[in-house]
Amino acid sequence: MKRWIWRVLRVVLAALGLLLIVIAAEIAIGWRCNLQGKLHPPLPPPPERKVASSGIKEYARPEDDTLLSYPEWYIVWSYQEKADFQQAHLPSGFPYLGAVRQFWSGYCCVSRLLRGKYPFNGGEQVMLMVIGTSFSAEYILKGAYENTVGKLSEWTSSGQPTEEDRFAYKVAREYADFVHVRPFYEFHFARQVSEMWKETSLLGAHWLRKWERKLFLTVDYTIEALYCWFIEKMTHLTYGSEPDVTYAWLDSASAAVTSPLPHVKLLRQVGPAAWIAGIPRYQEFTAVASALAAQGVQFVDIAGNSQILLSLLAPQDWRYAGDDAQLLFSTPILTDPKRQRMVMRCDVPTLVRVLNALAGSGAMVEHVYDY
């Protein structure tokens, strides 16, 4: 019995070692980028602004977080892209390795942009390495499986989706929508296992594909649930609970202007038409910032910072005509090479002009990275 256990253990360790070698190879391949712009040196906030915002807990956050949050959000964009792809395609056709390489390429660009301008942010860097490695492992393993066993089961169904495929698309869409507004580890993957077995029949057409999907999705969602539980515990242990509000210093603002946006909370008046406001974080910040820009509200600073990152989705031949935002780097959309993701920076006081200029320009503001 002991000999059998040691054999299994050696096989597991060998498989893990091979996976780590593949991840390392993908990092080496992806760790390159074509930078097309650079950051400005960070500017400390004026003393009077520090005084006016004193007493507001977690008002200021590190400015480099606007860049360090990009690789984390790339994973969100990849899950969204995968969900969009699965709406009309079976999963074996998704470019898993391409997404892994784009993650590390984006991380490479961020690292080069930050070098020499900000102190090394050890906590965020470790977090990015952990989630980047786990994202890579997930996509490498899924890509390998979907293009072997999964591909074979697709062949047995003549490329027709089963109800399990449709359930997997529904979960992928729910997850992609969820991580726009909440941390990924709060998604209830464990619940999806029982729901799949309840909502899909035991018998039916393409039975081999059905049962292959049932077993694969059961294992997949179970592992995802355990991983989310682990990351949630580690995150709360290290950082505590993540704040769900970003504070911004607004000008040309008033209760009448912000009343159509009930999630914007005017907290402290700091001038005739100037307020410190609380705005929801994550994807909602982008929508609220665009709505405030359309009302002519100006950002003086966001989380105490002077420059901010934003990403756009645009056709490959689209270019930004203004000079108040600079392109840092761009990358093609893997499942739609005619479009690109453009990562740009601007000074916080010019954000409103940039957002208003982009409205109706042919490019869509994907996200404003609110630290």
Protein backbone atom coordinates (compact mmCIF):
# COMPACT_ATOMS: atom_id res chain seq x y z
CA MET A 1 0.00 0.00 0.00
CA LYS A 2 2.79 2.43 0.89
CA ARG A 3 4.54 1.67 -2.41
CA TRP A 4 1.32 2.45 -4.31
CA ILE A 5 0.89 5.76 -2.45
CA TRP A 6 4.45 6.79 -3.25
CA ARG A 7 3.91 5.98 -6.94
CA VAL A 8 0.79 8.14 -7.04
CA LEU A 9 2.62 10.91 -5.20
CA ARG A 10 5.52 10.80 -7.68
CA VAL A 11 3.09 11.03 -10.60
CA VAL A 12 1.33 14.01 -9.00
CA LEU A 13 4.61 15.77 -8.27
CA ALA A 14 5.85 15.10 -11.81
CA ALA A 15 2.61 16.53 -13.25
CA LEU A 16 2.88 19.57 -11.00
CA GLY A 17 6.51 20.07 -12.02
CA LEU A 18 5.56 19.86 -15.70
CA LEU A 19 2.77 22.40 -15.18
CA LEU A 20 5.18 24.81 -13.48
CA ILE A 21 7.63 24.42 -16.38
CA VAL A 22 4.86 25.22 -18.88
CA ILE A 23 3.76 28.25 -16.81
CA ALA A 24 7.37 29.47 -16.65
CA ALA A 25 7.67 29.07 -20.42
CA GLU A 26 4.46 31.03 -20.99
CA ILE A 27 5.67 33.80 -18.67
CA ALA A 28 8.94 33.97 -20.62
CA ILE A 29 7.07 34.14 -23.93
CA GLY A 30 4.56 36.72 -22.69
CA TRP A 31 6.99 38.92 -20.72
CA ARG A 32 7.46 41.51 -23.44
CA CYS A 33 5.56 44.52 -24.62
CA ASN A 34 5.77 47.48 -26.94
CA LEU A 35 5.42 50.58 -24.77
CA GLN A 36 4.17 53.62 -26.66
CA GLY A 37 4.06 56.12 -23.81
CA LYS A 38 5.24 56.78 -20.28
CA LEU A 39 4.00 58.01 -16.93
CA HIS A 40 4.51 61.45 -15.50
CA PRO A 41 6.34 61.63 -12.18
CA PRO A 42 3.80 61.51 -9.32
CA LEU A 43 2.75 64.87 -7.84
CA PRO A 44 2.09 65.18 -4.11
CA PRO A 45 -1.31 66.72 -3.29
CA PRO A 46 -1.30 70.35 -2.08
CA PRO A 47 -1.21 70.64 1.73
CA GLU A 48 -4.60 72.37 1.84
CA ARG A 49 -6.18 69.40 0.08
CA LYS A 50 -4.74 67.04 2.66
CA VAL A 51 -6.18 69.18 5.42
CA ALA A 52 -9.61 69.34 3.77
CA SER A 53 -9.78 65.55 3.36
CA SER A 54 -8.44 64.71 6.82
CA GLY A 55 -10.64 62.47 8.89
CA ILE A 56 -12.06 60.61 5.89
CA LYS A 57 -10.84 57.07 6.39
CA GLU A 58 -9.03 55.57 3.37
CA TYR A 59 -9.49 58.76 1.35
CA ALA A 60 -6.08 58.39 -0.31
CA ARG A 61 -4.75 55.25 -1.94
CA PRO A 62 -1.36 54.63 -3.63
CA GLU A 63 -1.28 56.10 -7.13
CA ASP A 64 0.57 53.10 -8.57
CA ASP A 65 -2.54 51.00 -7.81
CA THR A 66 -4.15 52.45 -10.94
CA LEU A 67 -1.57 50.53 -13.01
CA LEU A 68 -1.19 47.52 -10.75
CA SER A 69 -4.93 46.90 -10.98
CA TYR A 70 -4.69 46.48 -14.77
CA PRO A 71 -3.36 42.87 -14.78
CA GLU A 72 -6.04 41.90 -12.27
CA TRP A 73 -8.72 43.45 -14.43
CA TYR A 74 -7.29 41.76 -17.53
CA ILE A 75 -8.41 38.47 -15.98
CA VAL A 76 -11.92 39.94 -15.72
CA TRP A 77 -11.80 40.96 -19.39
CA SER A 78 -10.59 37.48 -20.35
CA TYR A 79 -13.47 35.80 -18.49
CA GLN A 80 -15.85 38.18 -20.24
CA GLU A 81 -14.27 37.41 -23.61
CA LYS A 82 -14.54 33.68 -22.90
CA ALA A 83 -18.22 34.02 -21.97
CA ASP A 84 -18.89 36.00 -25.17
CA PHE A 85 -17.08 33.30 -27.15
CA GLN A 86 -19.02 30.45 -25.53
CA GLN A 87 -22.33 32.06 -26.50
CA ALA A 88 -21.85 30.84 -30.07
CA HIS A 89 -18.87 28.44 -29.90
CA LEU A 90 -17.78 25.35 -28.03
CA PRO A 91 -14.95 25.99 -25.55
CA SER A 92 -12.13 24.14 -27.35
CA GLY A 93 -11.78 27.03 -29.81
CA PHE A 94 -10.99 29.66 -27.20
CA PRO A 95 -7.34 30.91 -27.31
CA TYR A 96 -6.35 29.90 -23.78
CA LEU A 97 -2.58 30.24 -24.25
CA GLY A 98 -3.00 33.58 -26.00
CA ALA A 99 -4.85 34.92 -22.96
CA VAL A 100 -2.10 33.69 -20.61
CA ARG A 101 0.53 35.48 -22.69
CA GLN A 102 -1.51 38.68 -22.83
CA PHE A 103 -1.79 38.69 -19.03
CA TRP A 104 1.98 38.52 -18.60
CA SER A 105 2.57 41.01 -21.39
CA GLY A 106 0.28 43.50 -19.65
CA TYR A 107 2.02 42.85 -16.34
CA CYS A 108 5.38 43.41 -18.07
CA CYS A 109 4.20 46.79 -19.43
CA VAL A 110 2.91 47.87 -16.01
CA SER A 111 6.18 46.86 -14.34
CA ARG A 112 8.26 48.84 -16.82
CA LEU A 113 6.06 51.90 -16.51
CA LEU A 114 6.30 51.90 -12.72
CA ARG A 115 10.04 51.26 -12.53
CA GLY A 116 11.89 54.17 -10.93
CA LYS A 117 8.76 56.27 -10.38
CA TYR A 118 7.13 54.62 -7.37
CA PRO A 119 8.41 52.57 -4.42
CA PHE A 120 8.15 48.82 -4.93
CA ASN A 121 4.66 47.70 -3.85
CA GLY A 122 5.46 44.26 -2.45
CA GLY A 123 1.93 43.33 -1.35
CA GLU A 124 0.34 44.07 -4.73
CA GLN A 125 3.18 42.42 -6.64
CA VAL A 126 2.89 39.21 -4.64
CA MET A 127 -0.88 39.23 -5.15
CA LEU A 128 -0.44 39.65 -8.93
CA MET A 129 2.07 36.81 -9.07
CA VAL A 130 -0.33 34.54 -7.17
CA ILE A 131 -3.42 35.30 -9.24
CA GLY A 132 -1.37 35.41 -12.47
CA THR A 133 0.10 31.98 -11.79
CA SER A 134 -3.28 30.53 -10.84
CA PHE A 135 -4.91 32.11 -13.92
CA SER A 136 -2.14 30.65 -16.07
CA ALA A 137 -2.53 27.20 -14.50
CA GLU A 138 -6.31 27.33 -14.98
CA TYR A 139 -6.13 28.29 -18.65
CA ILE A 140 -3.22 25.96 -19.48
CA LEU A 141 -4.99 22.98 -17.92
CA LYS A 142 -8.36 23.87 -19.44
CA GLY A 143 -6.80 24.48 -22.84
CA ALA A 144 -5.00 21.14 -22.72
CA TYR A 145 -8.15 19.31 -21.62
CA GLU A 146 -10.56 21.05 -24.00
CA ASN A 147 -8.30 20.39 -26.97
CA THR A 148 -7.93 16.67 -26.22
CA VAL A 149 -10.74 15.02 -24.24
CA GLY A 150 -13.08 17.96 -24.76
CA LYS A 151 -12.37 18.03 -28.49
CA LEU A 152 -13.13 14.31 -28.74
CA SER A 153 -16.45 14.70 -26.92
CA GLU A 154 -17.32 17.64 -29.18
CA TRP A 155 -16.71 15.34 -32.15
CA THR A 156 -19.11 12.73 -30.74
CA SER A 157 -21.84 15.38 -30.61
CA SER A 158 -21.07 16.59 -34.15
CA GLY A 159 -20.21 19.97 -32.69
CA GLN A 160 -23.70 20.43 -31.27
CA PRO A 161 -23.95 21.92 -27.75
CA THR A 162 -25.65 19.90 -25.05
CA GLU A 163 -27.70 21.31 -22.21
CA GLU A 164 -24.54 21.04 -20.09
CA ASP A 165 -22.73 23.28 -22.61
CA ARG A 166 -25.55 25.79 -22.35
CA PHE A 167 -25.40 25.62 -18.55
CA ALA A 168 -21.63 26.22 -18.70
CA TYR A 169 -22.24 29.31 -20.85
CA LYS A 170 -24.83 30.59 -18.36
CA VAL A 171 -22.36 30.22 -15.46
CA ALA A 172 -19.55 31.81 -17.51
CA ARG A 173 -21.80 34.81 -18.24
CA GLU A 174 -22.92 35.14 -14.62
CA TYR A 175 -19.33 34.95 -13.41
CA ALA A 176 -18.12 37.51 -15.97
CA ASP A 177 -20.88 39.92 -14.91
CA PHE A 178 -20.24 39.26 -11.21
CA VAL A 179 -16.52 40.05 -11.25
CA HIS A 180 -17.25 43.46 -12.77
CA VAL A 181 -18.74 44.58 -9.47
CA ARG A 182 -17.46 42.21 -6.76
CA PRO A 183 -14.20 40.34 -6.01
CA PHE A 184 -14.03 37.04 -7.91
CA TYR A 185 -13.67 34.96 -4.74
CA GLU A 186 -17.19 35.87 -3.61
CA PHE A 187 -18.79 33.98 -6.51
CA HIS A 188 -20.58 30.79 -5.36
CA PHE A 189 -19.09 28.09 -7.57
CA ALA A 190 -20.11 25.34 -5.15
CA ARG A 191 -23.76 26.25 -5.72
CA GLN A 192 -23.30 25.77 -9.47
CA VAL A 193 -22.45 22.08 -9.02
CA SER A 194 -25.79 21.20 -7.43
CA GLU A 195 -27.68 23.48 -9.83
CA MET A 196 -26.09 21.79 -12.85
CA TRP A 197 -27.16 18.34 -11.67
CA LYS A 198 -30.68 19.64 -10.97
CA GLU A 199 -31.11 21.57 -14.23
CA THR A 200 -29.64 19.05 -16.69
CA SER A 201 -31.11 15.64 -17.46
CA LEU A 202 -29.30 12.36 -16.96
CA LEU A 203 -30.28 11.06 -20.39
CA GLY A 204 -30.59 12.68 -23.77
CA ALA A 205 -28.95 13.25 -27.12
CA HIS A 206 -25.15 13.07 -27.39
CA TRP A 207 -24.88 11.16 -24.12
CA LEU A 208 -21.09 10.87 -24.26
CA ARG A 209 -20.68 14.66 -24.50
CA LYS A 210 -23.33 15.13 -21.79
CA TRP A 211 -21.56 12.95 -19.26
CA GLU A 212 -18.10 14.22 -20.13
CA ARG A 213 -19.37 17.77 -19.50
CA LYS A 214 -21.15 16.78 -16.27
CA LEU A 215 -18.01 15.25 -14.82
CA PHE A 216 -15.69 17.99 -16.10
CA LEU A 217 -17.88 20.84 -14.84
CA THR A 218 -18.34 19.14 -11.46
CA VAL A 219 -14.57 18.92 -11.00
CA ASP A 220 -14.01 22.41 -12.44
CA TYR A 221 -16.56 24.19 -10.23
CA THR A 222 -15.45 22.26 -7.14
CA ILE A 223 -11.81 23.27 -7.62
CA GLU A 224 -12.86 26.88 -8.35
CA ALA A 225 -14.93 26.93 -5.14
CA LEU A 226 -12.01 25.68 -3.04
CA TYR A 227 -9.63 28.18 -4.65
CA CYS A 228 -12.04 31.09 -4.08
CA TRP A 229 -12.44 30.06 -0.44
CA PHE A 230 -8.66 29.99 0.03
CA ILE A 231 -8.06 33.36 -1.68
CA GLU A 232 -10.89 35.00 0.29
CA LYS A 233 -9.40 33.82 3.59
CA MET A 234 -5.90 34.95 2.61
CA THR A 235 -7.16 38.33 1.34
CA HIS A 236 -9.10 39.08 4.51
CA LEU A 237 -6.20 37.90 6.65
CA THR A 238 -3.72 40.12 4.77
CA TYR A 239 -5.76 43.19 3.82
CA GLY A 240 -8.98 42.92 5.80
CA SER A 241 -12.22 43.69 3.94
CA GLU A 242 -11.76 45.60 0.70
CA PRO A 243 -13.39 49.08 0.72
CA ASP A 244 -16.18 49.40 -1.83
CA VAL A 245 -15.95 53.20 -2.23
CA THR A 246 -13.47 55.49 -3.98
CA TYR A 247 -13.31 59.07 -2.74
CA ALA A 248 -13.00 61.91 -5.23
CA TRP A 249 -12.68 65.68 -4.99
CA LEU A 250 -15.29 67.10 -7.35
CA ASP A 251 -15.73 70.63 -8.66
CA SER A 252 -18.77 72.16 -10.41
CA ALA A 253 -20.84 69.75 -8.35
CA SER A 254 -24.00 70.08 -6.30
CA ALA A 255 -26.74 67.94 -4.84
CA ALA A 256 -28.96 68.86 -7.79
CA VAL A 257 -26.35 67.69 -10.30
CA THR A 258 -25.63 64.40 -8.53
CA SER A 259 -29.20 63.57 -7.49
CA PRO A 260 -29.81 61.43 -10.64
CA LEU A 261 -26.87 59.30 -9.46
CA PRO A 262 -28.03 57.96 -6.09
CA HIS A 263 -24.80 56.00 -5.52
CA VAL A 264 -22.76 59.22 -5.47
CA LYS A 265 -22.60 60.45 -1.88
CA LEU A 266 -21.58 64.08 -1.31
CA LEU A 267 -19.74 63.85 1.99
CA ARG A 268 -18.03 67.16 2.66
CA GLN A 269 -18.26 70.57 1.01
CA VAL A 270 -14.76 71.97 0.43
CA GLY A 271 -15.59 75.02 -1.72
CA PRO A 272 -18.47 76.98 -3.29
CA ALA A 273 -19.18 74.15 -5.76
CA ALA A 274 -16.56 71.66 -4.60
CA TRP A 275 -17.29 68.45 -2.71
CA ILE A 276 -15.56 65.32 -1.53
CA ALA A 277 -17.76 62.48 -2.75
CA GLY A 278 -17.90 58.73 -2.31
CA ILE A 279 -18.28 56.79 -5.58
CA PRO A 280 -18.70 52.99 -5.87
CA ARG A 281 -15.54 51.12 -6.86
CA TYR A 282 -14.95 48.58 -9.61
CA GLN A 283 -16.89 48.79 -12.88
CA GLU A 284 -19.56 51.08 -11.46
CA PHE A 285 -16.94 53.80 -11.00
CA THR A 286 -16.49 53.93 -14.79
CA ALA A 287 -20.21 54.39 -15.45
CA VAL A 288 -20.56 57.02 -12.71
CA ALA A 289 -17.47 58.94 -13.86
CA SER A 290 -18.84 59.05 -17.41
CA ALA A 291 -22.22 60.26 -16.14
CA LEU A 292 -20.59 62.98 -14.02
CA ALA A 293 -18.48 64.06 -16.99
CA ALA A 294 -21.62 64.42 -19.13
CA GLN A 295 -23.01 66.75 -16.42
CA GLY A 296 -19.88 68.91 -16.53
CA VAL A 297 -18.63 67.87 -13.10
CA GLN A 298 -14.84 68.13 -12.81
CA PHE A 299 -12.47 65.78 -10.99
CA VAL A 300 -9.80 67.60 -8.99
CA ASP A 301 -8.28 64.42 -7.61
CA ILE A 302 -9.34 60.80 -7.22
CA ALA A 303 -8.22 58.95 -4.10
CA GLY A 304 -5.73 61.77 -3.56
CA ASN A 305 -3.97 61.14 -6.89
CA SER A 306 -3.10 63.21 -9.94
CA GLN A 307 -3.04 60.69 -12.82
CA ILE A 308 -5.16 57.70 -13.70
CA LEU A 309 -5.30 54.76 -16.14
CA LEU A 310 -8.18 53.92 -18.46
CA SER A 311 -8.68 51.31 -21.16
CA LEU A 312 -10.68 51.54 -24.38
CA LEU A 313 -12.04 49.05 -26.87
CA ALA A 314 -11.65 50.33 -30.43
CA PRO A 315 -11.12 49.21 -34.04
CA GLN A 316 -7.49 48.45 -34.91
CA ASP A 317 -7.14 51.58 -37.02
CA TRP A 318 -8.70 53.93 -34.43
CA ARG A 319 -6.51 56.63 -32.88
CA TYR A 320 -7.22 59.15 -30.12
CA ALA A 321 -7.06 62.65 -31.62
CA GLY A 322 -6.59 64.69 -28.44
CA ASP A 323 -3.43 65.49 -26.53
CA ASP A 324 -4.87 65.23 -23.00
CA ALA A 325 -4.48 61.44 -22.81
CA GLN A 326 -1.52 59.32 -23.89
CA LEU A 327 -1.50 55.77 -25.22
CA LEU A 328 0.75 53.54 -23.10
CA PHE A 329 0.28 50.21 -24.87
CA SER A 330 -2.32 48.27 -26.82
CA THR A 331 -3.18 44.64 -27.47
CA PRO A 332 -5.51 42.88 -29.94
CA ILE A 333 -8.75 41.27 -28.79
CA LEU A 334 -7.95 37.58 -29.23
CA THR A 335 -11.38 36.46 -30.42
CA ASP A 336 -11.88 39.55 -32.61
CA PRO A 337 -8.52 40.70 -34.07
CA LYS A 338 -10.20 43.64 -35.82
CA ARG A 339 -10.53 45.29 -32.40
CA GLN A 340 -7.93 46.31 -29.84
CA ARG A 341 -7.67 47.19 -26.18
CA MET A 342 -5.90 50.55 -25.75
CA VAL A 343 -4.45 51.34 -22.33
CA MET A 344 -4.08 55.09 -21.77
CA ARG A 345 -3.20 57.52 -18.98
CA CYS A 346 -4.40 61.02 -18.31
CA ASP A 347 -4.15 63.60 -15.58
CA VAL A 348 -7.12 63.42 -13.23
CA PRO A 349 -8.22 67.06 -13.94
CA THR A 350 -8.45 66.22 -17.67
CA LEU A 351 -10.39 62.97 -17.19
CA VAL A 352 -13.72 64.69 -17.84
CA ARG A 353 -12.51 66.12 -21.16
CA VAL A 354 -11.20 62.71 -22.18
CA LEU A 355 -14.42 60.88 -21.28
CA ASN A 356 -16.57 63.44 -23.09
CA ALA A 357 -14.30 63.37 -26.15
CA LEU A 358 -14.54 59.59 -26.30
CA ALA A 359 -18.34 59.57 -26.19
CA GLY A 360 -19.48 58.82 -29.72
CA SER A 361 -15.92 58.66 -31.04
CA GLY A 362 -16.00 55.05 -32.20
CA ALA A 363 -14.14 53.81 -29.12
CA MET A 364 -15.79 52.49 -25.95
CA VAL A 365 -14.42 53.29 -22.50
CA GLU A 366 -13.92 49.85 -21.01
CA HIS A 367 -12.71 50.83 -17.55
CA VAL A 368 -11.34 53.66 -15.45
CA TYR A 369 -8.85 52.09 -13.03
CA ASP A 370 -9.80 53.74 -9.74
CA TYR A 371 -6.86 52.51 -7.65
